[in-house]
Protein backbone atom coordinates (compact mmCIF):
# COMPACT_ATOMS: atom_id res chain seq x y z
CA MET A 1 0.00 -0.01 0.04
CA ARG A 2 0.91 3.66 -0.35
CA ILE A 3 0.52 5.10 3.18
CA LEU A 4 0.21 8.78 4.11
CA PHE A 5 1.19 9.16 7.93
CA ALA A 6 0.26 12.32 9.45
CA THR A 7 2.08 12.92 12.55
CA THR A 8 2.68 15.89 14.97
CA VAL A 9 6.48 16.19 14.96
CA LEU A 10 9.00 14.18 12.54
CA PRO A 11 10.43 11.65 15.07
CA HIS A 12 14.23 11.50 13.57
CA GLU A 13 15.47 12.88 16.63
CA ARG A 14 14.11 10.35 18.92
CA ARG A 15 13.46 13.02 21.74
CA THR A 16 10.49 11.66 23.49
CA GLY A 17 8.41 8.25 24.05
CA GLY A 18 5.99 9.38 21.43
CA GLU A 19 8.44 9.92 18.68
CA ILE A 20 10.25 6.52 19.32
CA ALA A 21 6.57 4.85 19.26
CA THR A 22 5.95 6.63 15.92
CA LEU A 23 9.24 5.29 14.72
CA ASN A 24 8.37 1.84 15.68
CA PHE A 25 5.38 1.60 13.46
CA LEU A 26 7.13 3.57 10.50
CA GLU A 27 9.74 1.00 10.88
CA ALA A 28 7.41 -1.82 10.77
CA LEU A 29 5.29 -0.69 7.88
CA THR A 30 8.38 0.09 5.73
CA ALA A 31 9.98 -3.37 6.59
CA LEU A 32 6.55 -4.93 5.24
CA GLY A 33 7.03 -3.31 1.94
CA HIS A 34 4.41 -0.62 2.22
CA GLU A 35 5.38 2.90 0.73
CA VAL A 36 5.17 5.30 3.57
CA HIS A 37 5.06 9.10 3.28
CA VAL A 38 5.34 11.02 6.61
CA VAL A 39 4.16 14.44 7.27
CA GLY A 40 5.06 16.33 10.37
CA TYR A 41 6.58 19.65 12.06
CA ARG A 42 10.23 19.96 13.18
CA ARG A 43 11.29 21.55 16.49
CA PRO A 44 12.85 24.98 16.13
CA GLY A 45 16.44 24.45 15.83
CA ALA A 46 16.29 20.70 14.93
CA VAL A 47 18.25 19.46 11.89
CA ALA A 48 16.24 18.47 8.92
CA ALA A 49 14.84 14.84 8.66
CA GLN A 50 16.62 12.95 6.05
CA GLY A 51 14.14 10.01 5.88
CA LYS A 52 12.88 8.99 2.50
CA GLY A 53 9.45 9.91 2.09
CA TRP A 54 9.45 12.38 4.93
CA ILE A 55 8.01 15.96 4.32
CA ASP A 56 8.69 18.83 6.66
CA ALA A 57 5.74 21.05 7.53
CA GLY A 58 8.21 23.71 9.02
CA THR A 59 9.26 24.66 12.69
CA ARG A 60 6.78 24.51 15.53
CA PRO A 61 7.05 24.31 19.19
CA ILE A 62 5.78 20.85 20.08
CA GLU A 63 5.58 21.08 24.01
CA LEU A 64 3.67 23.87 25.23
CA ALA A 65 6.41 24.55 27.90
CA GLU A 66 8.67 25.72 25.03
CA ALA A 67 5.96 27.64 23.04
CA GLY A 68 6.61 30.76 24.66
CA TRP A 69 4.19 33.69 23.54
CA ARG A 70 2.32 31.22 21.10
CA ARG A 71 0.60 29.42 24.13
CA SER A 72 -1.41 32.78 24.67
CA VAL A 73 -2.18 32.85 20.92
CA TRP A 74 -3.36 29.27 20.71
CA ALA A 75 -5.20 29.17 23.98
CA GLY A 76 -7.17 32.38 22.60
CA GLN A 77 -7.77 30.46 19.37
CA ALA A 78 -8.88 27.43 21.03
CA LEU A 79 -11.44 29.42 23.46
CA ALA A 80 -12.83 31.28 20.34
CA LEU A 81 -13.26 28.09 18.13
CA GLY A 82 -14.45 25.96 20.97
CA ALA A 83 -11.77 23.38 20.07
CA PRO A 84 -9.05 21.52 21.93
CA LEU A 85 -5.93 23.33 22.54
CA THR A 86 -3.92 20.22 21.78
CA ASN A 87 -5.43 20.52 18.29
CA VAL A 88 -5.21 24.07 17.50
CA LYS A 89 -1.53 24.10 18.37
CA PHE A 90 -1.01 21.64 15.44
CA THR A 91 -3.23 23.37 12.80
CA SER A 92 -1.63 25.65 10.33
CA ARG A 93 -1.70 26.36 6.46
CA ALA A 94 1.91 24.96 6.39
CA TYR A 95 0.84 21.64 7.39
CA ARG A 96 -2.01 21.60 4.78
CA ASN A 97 0.57 22.49 2.28
CA ALA A 98 2.88 19.75 3.28
CA LEU A 99 -0.09 17.08 2.92
CA ALA A 100 -0.79 18.60 -0.40
CA ALA A 101 2.90 17.81 -1.32
CA ALA A 102 2.55 14.27 -0.20
CA LYS A 103 -0.10 13.59 -2.79
CA PRO A 104 -2.81 12.27 -0.85
CA GLU A 105 -4.85 11.55 -3.98
CA ALA A 106 -2.40 8.73 -4.55
CA ALA A 107 -2.53 7.10 -1.21
CA ASP A 108 -4.40 4.00 -0.19
CA LEU A 109 -4.40 4.56 3.43
CA LEU A 110 -4.15 7.62 6.05
CA VAL A 111 -2.93 7.05 9.42
CA LEU A 112 -3.69 9.78 11.75
CA ASP A 113 -0.92 9.66 14.55
CA HIS A 114 -2.27 10.93 17.90
CA ALA A 115 -5.77 12.49 18.50
CA HIS A 116 -3.89 15.77 18.26
CA MET A 117 -3.78 15.49 14.63
CA GLY A 118 -7.83 15.02 14.86
CA TRP A 119 -8.33 18.35 13.19
CA LEU A 120 -7.30 16.65 9.83
CA ASP A 121 -10.46 14.66 9.79
CA ALA A 122 -12.52 17.44 8.40
CA LEU A 123 -10.29 18.12 5.61
CA ARG A 124 -11.32 16.99 2.14
CA GLY A 125 -9.28 15.15 -0.32
CA LEU A 126 -7.68 12.74 1.97
CA PRO A 127 -7.97 8.96 1.80
CA ARG A 128 -11.23 7.59 3.26
CA ASN A 129 -9.56 4.44 4.47
CA ARG A 130 -7.92 5.48 7.78
CA ILE A 131 -6.04 4.18 10.97
CA PHE A 132 -6.28 6.17 14.28
CA LEU A 133 -3.03 5.47 16.00
CA ALA A 134 -4.09 6.43 19.70
CA HIS A 135 -0.90 7.07 21.88
CA ASN A 136 -3.16 7.60 24.85
CA VAL A 137 -7.06 7.85 25.77
CA GLU A 138 -6.42 11.60 25.83
CA HIS A 139 -9.80 12.64 27.34
CA ARG A 140 -9.10 10.28 30.38
CA LEU A 141 -5.52 11.60 30.52
CA TYR A 142 -6.36 15.06 30.84
CA SER A 143 -9.28 14.41 33.20
CA THR A 144 -6.69 12.57 35.58
CA MET A 145 -4.48 15.63 35.16
CA ALA A 146 -7.47 18.04 36.28
CA GLU A 147 -7.69 15.99 39.63
CA TYR A 148 -4.06 16.39 40.15
CA ARG A 149 -3.86 20.06 39.43
CA GLY A 150 -7.08 21.75 40.63
CA GLY A 151 -7.75 25.57 40.35
CA PRO A 152 -7.22 27.21 36.90
CA ALA A 153 -4.99 24.76 35.71
CA GLY A 154 -7.66 21.83 36.46
CA TRP A 155 -10.34 23.82 34.71
CA LEU A 156 -8.28 24.10 31.50
CA TYR A 157 -7.40 20.13 31.70
CA ARG A 158 -11.24 19.56 32.33
CA ARG A 159 -12.05 21.74 29.32
CA GLU A 160 -9.75 19.72 27.36
CA ALA A 161 -11.00 16.53 28.51
CA ALA A 162 -14.71 17.29 27.57
CA LEU A 163 -13.72 18.52 23.98
CA LEU A 164 -11.43 15.43 23.41
CA GLU A 165 -13.92 12.79 24.16
CA PRO A 166 -16.29 13.65 21.36
CA LEU A 167 -13.27 14.07 18.95
CA GLU A 168 -11.76 10.63 19.99
CA ARG A 169 -15.24 9.13 19.62
CA ARG A 170 -15.53 10.72 15.87
CA LEU A 171 -11.99 9.30 14.91
CA LEU A 172 -13.14 5.96 16.27
CA HIS A 173 -16.35 6.01 14.10
CA ARG A 174 -14.37 7.14 11.02
CA SER A 175 -11.56 4.52 11.28
CA CYS A 176 -11.36 1.10 9.60
CA GLN A 177 -8.91 0.22 12.50
CA THR A 178 -7.93 2.03 15.91
CA TRP A 179 -4.34 1.01 17.04
CA CYS A 180 -3.67 1.26 20.75
CA LEU A 181 -0.58 0.62 22.93
CA THR A 182 -2.23 -0.98 25.93
CA ARG A 183 -5.18 -3.34 26.48
CA ALA A 184 -6.45 -0.72 29.02
CA ASP A 185 -6.45 2.06 26.47
CA ALA A 186 -8.27 -0.45 23.99
CA ALA A 187 -10.95 -1.22 26.58
CA ALA A 188 -11.48 2.39 27.15
CA LEU A 189 -11.53 3.62 23.78
CA GLY A 190 -13.96 0.30 22.95
CA GLN A 191 -16.59 2.06 25.05
CA LEU A 192 -16.81 4.86 22.61
CA SER A 193 -16.48 2.67 19.33
CA PRO A 194 -19.21 1.40 17.33
CA ASP A 195 -17.28 -1.63 16.92
CA PRO A 196 -14.67 -2.52 19.21
CA GLY A 197 -13.58 -5.33 16.97
CA ARG A 198 -11.73 -2.55 15.03
CA LEU A 199 -9.35 -2.10 17.85
CA ARG A 200 -5.82 -3.48 17.89
CA VAL A 201 -3.02 -3.43 20.56
CA PHE A 202 0.45 -3.51 20.00
CA ASP A 203 3.34 -4.43 22.20
CA LEU A 204 5.76 -1.41 21.37
CA PRO A 205 9.52 -2.46 21.47
CA GLY A 206 10.89 1.27 21.70
CA GLN A 207 14.44 1.26 20.84
CA ALA A 208 17.26 -0.81 21.63
CA VAL A 209 19.39 1.28 24.15
CA ALA A 210 21.60 -1.26 26.03
CA GLY A 211 25.16 0.53 26.28
CA GLU A 212 28.31 -1.21 27.66
CA ALA A 213 27.92 -2.27 31.26
CA LEU A 214 30.27 -0.24 33.37
CA ALA A 215 31.93 -1.91 36.32
CA ILE A 216 31.43 1.11 38.66
CA PRO A 217 28.22 3.22 37.68
CA SER A 218 28.52 6.93 38.46
CA TYR A 219 25.12 7.48 40.03
CA ASP A 220 23.27 5.45 42.58
CA ILE A 221 19.90 6.07 41.10
CA GLY A 222 18.96 7.67 37.63
CA MET A 223 15.84 8.50 35.89
CA ILE A 224 15.34 9.60 32.32
CA GLY A 225 12.11 11.12 30.53
CA SER A 226 10.69 14.07 28.75
CA TRP A 227 10.00 16.21 31.89
CA ASN A 228 8.72 19.09 30.00
CA TRP A 229 5.66 17.26 29.47
CA GLU A 230 3.19 17.68 32.33
CA VAL A 231 2.32 14.26 32.57
CA ASN A 232 5.79 12.97 32.94
CA ARG A 233 6.61 15.96 35.31
CA THR A 234 3.93 15.03 37.69
CA GLY A 235 5.56 11.70 38.33
CA LEU A 236 9.08 13.34 38.70
CA GLN A 237 7.30 15.77 41.33
CA TRP A 238 5.94 12.82 43.12
CA PHE A 239 9.34 11.43 43.42
CA LEU A 240 10.72 14.47 44.55
CA ASP A 241 8.06 15.35 47.26
CA LYS A 242 7.42 11.85 48.48
CA VAL A 243 10.42 9.46 47.79
CA LEU A 244 13.52 11.55 47.97
CA PRO A 245 13.00 12.37 51.59
CA ARG A 246 13.01 8.99 52.50
CA LEU A 247 16.41 8.12 50.87
CA PRO A 248 19.76 8.06 52.45
CA LYS A 249 21.52 11.49 52.40
CA GLY A 250 24.71 10.29 50.47
CA LEU A 251 23.24 8.93 47.41
CA ARG A 252 23.86 10.37 43.87
CA ILE A 253 20.75 10.73 41.95
CA ALA A 254 20.85 11.65 38.32
CA VAL A 255 17.76 13.07 36.25
CA ALA A 256 18.35 12.96 32.47
CA GLY A 257 15.96 14.53 29.64
CA SER A 258 14.61 17.92 28.87
CA GLY A 259 13.21 19.63 31.83
CA SER A 260 15.67 18.19 34.31
CA GLU A 261 18.24 21.19 34.15
CA GLY A 262 18.27 22.91 37.42
CA LEU A 263 17.55 20.15 39.55
CA ASP A 264 20.68 20.37 41.26
CA ARG A 265 19.49 23.57 43.31
CA VAL A 266 16.58 21.42 44.63
CA ASP A 267 18.53 18.90 46.59
CA PRO A 268 22.31 18.31 46.80
CA ARG A 269 21.79 14.59 45.94
CA LEU A 270 20.27 15.53 42.58
CA VAL A 271 22.22 16.04 39.39
CA GLY A 272 20.14 17.44 36.55
CA LEU A 273 21.75 16.54 33.22
CA GLY A 274 19.20 17.80 30.57
CA ARG A 275 19.21 15.91 27.41
CA VAL A 276 21.79 13.21 27.04
CA PRO A 277 23.17 12.15 23.75
CA ASP A 278 23.09 8.50 24.46
CA ALA A 279 20.33 7.18 26.47
CA GLY A 280 21.86 3.62 26.69
CA ARG A 281 25.13 5.00 28.25
CA PHE A 282 23.19 7.08 30.76
CA MET A 283 21.43 3.97 31.84
CA GLN A 284 24.66 1.93 32.15
CA GLU A 285 25.84 4.67 34.27
CA CYS A 286 23.27 4.31 37.06
CA HIS A 287 23.16 1.34 39.82
CA VAL A 288 19.37 1.52 39.64
CA LEU A 289 16.78 3.04 37.40
CA ALA A 290 13.60 4.70 38.72
CA ALA A 291 10.21 5.02 36.49
CA PRO A 292 7.95 6.95 39.12
CA ALA A 293 4.89 7.58 36.73
CA VAL A 294 1.83 8.29 38.78
CA VAL A 295 -0.63 9.57 35.94
CA GLY A 296 -0.64 8.23 32.10
CA SER A 297 -2.03 6.43 29.47
CA GLY A 298 -0.46 4.57 26.69
CA VAL A 299 2.87 2.61 27.14
CA GLN A 300 5.69 3.98 29.10
CA LEU A 301 8.84 3.64 26.51
CA LYS A 302 11.22 4.64 29.05
CA THR A 303 10.07 1.60 31.12
CA ILE A 304 10.47 -0.68 28.25
CA GLU A 305 14.18 0.69 27.29
CA GLY A 306 15.02 0.64 30.96
CA ILE A 307 14.07 -3.12 31.23
CA ALA A 308 16.10 -3.71 27.98
CA ALA A 309 19.10 -2.28 29.29
CA GLY A 310 19.10 -4.83 31.99
CA ARG A 311 19.89 -2.62 34.85
CA PRO A 312 17.95 -3.02 38.32
CA MET A 313 14.52 -0.93 38.05
CA VAL A 314 12.16 0.15 40.38
CA ALA A 315 8.49 1.27 38.86
CA THR A 316 5.30 2.30 39.73
CA SER A 317 2.44 -0.04 38.38
CA VAL A 318 1.29 3.10 35.95
CA ALA A 319 4.99 2.93 34.63
CA LEU A 320 4.51 -0.85 33.94
CA ARG A 321 1.24 -0.58 32.70
CA ASP A 322 0.40 -3.30 30.16
CA ILE A 323 4.13 -4.53 30.01
CA ARG A 324 3.70 -8.09 30.27
CA ASP A 325 6.39 -10.98 31.36
CA VAL A 326 8.24 -8.30 33.50
CA PRO A 327 11.73 -9.71 34.29
CA ASP A 328 13.01 -10.46 37.55
CA HIS A 329 15.36 -7.28 37.85
CA VAL A 330 12.43 -5.07 37.87
CA ARG A 331 10.33 -4.29 41.05
CA MET A 332 7.01 -2.80 41.37
CA ALA A 333 6.17 -0.04 44.19
CA ASP A 334 3.36 2.33 44.41
CA SER A 335 3.80 3.91 47.82
CA PRO A 336 6.60 6.28 48.41
CA GLU A 337 7.89 4.24 51.49
CA VAL A 338 7.95 0.83 49.31
CA PHE A 339 9.54 2.70 46.27
CA ALA A 340 12.25 4.16 48.52
CA ARG A 341 13.00 0.90 50.24
CA ALA A 342 13.09 -0.86 46.94
CA LEU A 343 15.57 1.24 45.38
CA CYS A 344 17.78 0.95 48.52
CA HIS A 345 17.61 -2.85 48.25
CA ALA A 346 18.31 -2.84 44.56
CA ARG A 347 21.26 -0.49 45.10
CA ARG A 348 22.75 -3.10 47.42
CA ALA A 349 21.95 -6.02 45.35
CA GLY A 350 23.95 -7.37 42.54
CA ALA A 351 23.57 -6.44 38.71
CA PRO A 352 21.65 -8.77 36.57
CA SER A 353 22.83 -10.21 33.48
CA PRO A 354 22.45 -7.70 30.77
CA ARG A 355 21.26 -10.41 28.42
CA ALA A 356 18.06 -10.81 30.37
CA GLY A 357 16.84 -7.37 29.12
CA SER A 358 18.06 -7.71 25.60
CA GLN A 359 16.45 -11.03 25.34
CA TRP A 360 13.37 -9.71 26.72
CA LEU A 361 13.45 -6.87 24.21
CA ALA A 362 14.03 -9.42 21.21
CA ARG A 363 11.01 -11.41 22.11
CA ARG A 364 8.80 -8.13 22.42
CA ARG A 365 10.21 -6.78 18.97
CA ASP A 366 9.30 -10.04 17.37
CA ARG A 367 5.72 -10.08 18.56
CA PHE A 368 5.29 -6.35 17.49
CA PHE A 369 6.27 -6.87 13.97
CA ARG A 370 3.91 -9.87 13.87
CA GLN A 371 1.20 -7.68 15.22
CA VAL A 372 1.72 -4.97 12.56
CA ALA A 373 1.84 -7.54 9.69
CA MET A 374 -1.44 -9.00 10.83
CA ALA A 375 -3.27 -5.69 11.41
CA THR A 376 -2.21 -4.45 7.79
CA PHE A 377 -3.23 -7.82 6.05
CA ASP A 378 -6.59 -7.51 7.83
CA LEU A 379 -7.34 -4.28 6.55
CA GLY A 380 -8.36 -5.65 3.19
CA VAL A 381 -7.72 -2.22 1.39
CA ALA A 382 -8.20 -2.77 -2.27
CA ASP A 383 -5.89 -1.32 -4.95
CA GLY A 384 -6.79 2.25 -5.71
CA ALA A 385 -7.32 4.99 -2.90
CA SER A 386 -10.60 6.10 -1.82
CA HIS A 387 -10.93 9.69 -0.80
CA GLY A 388 -13.23 11.89 1.24
């Protein structure tokens, strides 16, 4: 098939779990022999994408935390239009022009990657055969964030949730398949779908990040993520507020990823590294990895990559959501007290065999490619595009 893949940001820089998830699907579809044309924005300052068939829609801030004055503009537009802010911030003439350059009239299938791209559903001239790739159950995610935040911020999250639910319902109705990243998400979206049999679940493999194991790691505990995203930031804040006070004074705790800069000033035990050039190398520099997610939907790719790295890990049940066959070097803990004790115990224990993680990831990757092959086979899209 010739597939038009409409996403938020071209994922060549692999900055976030969402980008790596998108890459997983692009790699699988290409490996299966499909001709894939990807349209997306590029972050300001990002290098140009070199992938074959990738079409750049221009630069755009992807995370609101980095949008500056545009946040107010987009918020005003969202209020005036009665639309979700998460859709308005990705709507532009430049994106429509990039779609036109991808020759949608020649495509057999349209993949809408994220509910954030739901604004495309109303455009004419796009393939009628569609897949909705749901990275999260967005309306539930924003509803949960509203409970955590409260106040004016809570009101904004509740507004977003109320507007995203009918959007997700429409995308489910209009799509021949909806691709989900967890069984819990599929069950939740199935309640909105006219035919739950159209929903498929995929075991994302993430990216192989296992670097060379170090005899003497530099840090006692390590965390990595995209902390500028409010959902991830909530988990980090839970760790700082609830877990950190229960940990011994002499530990070195490294936090890597965008938004971690400046954490050195919060506590002398913390080292904020910002974005690191090699996630695998960072993970191997840590005795123990921590995954402190407390809200979220979809799958936590940094948890998958941490498991694959083979380092001891302590993770919440939210961080481990829908990850099956968790190996022995991973411990689940949801209360701050148990989480802190598990980190200290894992710090004292010996490191597992690096092969435990790599073998687990290899099995998961094989399963994912089979799932994508079966889903595309079952589409039954006839030769020749159908357009609406």
